[in-house]
Amino acid sequence: MKNSSKSRSNEGRKEISPSDLSAKNSNPLVYAEITKKIGLAAESGAKMAMFHYLVFKNYEKIGSDHPTEFCRRVGVPLSYATEFRKMVNLAELVKNQGALKPK
């Protein structure tokens, strides 16, 4: 009997190559700033809050990045990729509702 749950879970997913992971709007200064601020926030126990804030604040510059590649670049656990997606989605929602004015 074929294990259909495994084949179903991968259905429609594209295999990601290393070239797909490169940041489309790569700006080293943005990543350096984010990395620094997350590191400083970690010292006071506010790492996740700062991560959320910085992704939300910079979503127009980083929102097209692959979530796990973003996490690697700023030195946070890959599990933060879910939080990255949530904050990018929230920023898009806020922008589309007219509450966030583009720069």
Protein backbone atom coordinates (compact mmCIF):
# COMPACT_ATOMS: atom_id res chain seq x y z
CA MET A 1 0.00 0.00 0.00
CA LYS A 2 1.37 3.41 -1.04
CA ASN A 3 1.91 6.05 1.66
CA SER A 4 -0.32 8.74 0.21
CA SER A 5 0.09 11.23 3.07
CA LYS A 6 3.73 11.79 2.23
CA SER A 7 3.08 12.31 -1.46
CA ARG A 8 0.15 14.60 -0.69
CA SER A 9 2.18 16.74 1.71
CA ASN A 10 4.77 17.49 -0.99
CA GLU A 11 2.18 18.02 -3.69
CA GLY A 12 2.51 21.40 -5.39
CA ARG A 13 5.74 22.29 -3.62
CA LYS A 14 8.63 23.53 -5.69
CA GLU A 15 12.10 22.24 -4.90
CA ILE A 16 14.19 25.24 -3.84
CA SER A 17 17.65 25.65 -5.29
CA PRO A 18 20.38 27.78 -3.67
CA SER A 19 19.98 30.39 -6.41
CA ASP A 20 16.29 30.74 -5.47
CA LEU A 21 17.31 31.60 -1.92
CA SER A 22 19.27 34.70 -2.82
CA ALA A 23 17.66 37.88 -1.59
CA LYS A 24 15.92 39.64 -4.46
CA ASN A 25 16.19 43.07 -2.84
CA SER A 26 19.47 42.38 -1.16
CA ASN A 27 20.82 45.33 0.79
CA PRO A 28 23.68 44.37 3.12
CA LEU A 29 23.12 47.44 5.30
CA VAL A 30 19.52 46.43 6.02
CA TYR A 31 20.62 42.95 7.07
CA ALA A 32 23.50 44.30 9.15
CA GLU A 33 21.15 46.67 10.98
CA ILE A 34 18.60 43.93 11.61
CA THR A 35 21.26 41.49 12.83
CA LYS A 36 22.71 44.08 15.20
CA LYS A 37 19.37 45.14 16.65
CA ILE A 38 18.19 41.56 17.16
CA GLY A 39 21.46 40.76 18.95
CA LEU A 40 21.08 43.74 21.26
CA ALA A 41 17.43 42.90 21.96
CA ALA A 42 18.40 39.32 22.85
CA GLU A 43 20.43 40.66 25.76
CA SER A 44 17.27 42.05 27.34
CA GLY A 45 15.02 39.11 26.45
CA ALA A 46 13.24 40.93 23.63
CA LYS A 47 14.70 39.04 20.66
CA MET A 48 11.40 37.80 19.22
CA ALA A 49 9.65 41.15 19.70
CA MET A 50 12.50 42.97 17.94
CA PHE A 51 12.47 40.38 15.15
CA HIS A 52 8.73 40.99 14.64
CA TYR A 53 9.16 44.76 14.70
CA LEU A 54 12.08 44.81 12.25
CA VAL A 55 10.42 42.46 9.76
CA PHE A 56 7.25 44.57 9.90
CA LYS A 57 9.19 47.82 9.58
CA ASN A 58 11.37 46.63 6.69
CA TYR A 59 8.94 44.35 4.89
CA GLU A 60 9.09 46.30 1.61
CA LYS A 61 12.86 45.73 1.48
CA ILE A 62 12.91 42.12 2.71
CA GLY A 63 9.42 40.73 2.10
CA SER A 64 10.37 39.07 -1.19
CA ASP A 65 13.22 37.13 0.46
CA HIS A 66 12.83 33.43 1.12
CA PRO A 67 11.98 33.17 4.85
CA THR A 68 14.67 30.63 5.73
CA GLU A 69 17.32 32.53 3.80
CA PHE A 70 16.37 35.69 5.67
CA CYS A 71 16.75 33.84 8.98
CA ARG A 72 20.19 32.55 7.98
CA ARG A 73 21.31 36.04 6.97
CA VAL A 74 20.32 37.64 10.27
CA GLY A 75 21.47 34.75 12.46
CA VAL A 76 18.21 33.59 13.98
CA PRO A 77 16.92 30.01 14.18
CA LEU A 78 15.26 28.76 10.99
CA SER A 79 12.09 28.25 13.02
CA TYR A 80 11.71 32.05 12.90
CA ALA A 81 10.76 31.67 9.22
CA THR A 82 7.15 31.19 10.31
CA GLU A 83 7.29 34.46 12.24
CA PHE A 84 8.84 36.16 9.20
CA ARG A 85 5.92 35.03 7.04
CA LYS A 86 3.39 36.19 9.65
CA MET A 87 4.89 39.67 9.90
CA VAL A 88 5.20 40.12 6.13
CA ASN A 89 1.55 39.06 5.77
CA LEU A 90 0.52 41.44 8.56
CA ALA A 91 2.44 44.33 6.99
CA GLU A 92 0.78 43.64 3.61
CA LEU A 93 -2.64 43.52 5.26
CA VAL A 94 -2.04 46.79 7.10
CA LYS A 95 -0.77 48.42 3.90
CA ASN A 96 -3.74 47.18 1.87
CA GLN A 97 -6.15 48.48 4.51
CA GLY A 98 -4.59 51.92 4.15
CA ALA A 99 -3.15 52.07 7.66
CA LEU A 100 0.48 51.88 6.53
CA LYS A 101 1.69 54.51 4.12
CA PRO A 102 4.50 53.45 1.75
CA LYS A 103 7.71 55.49 1.95
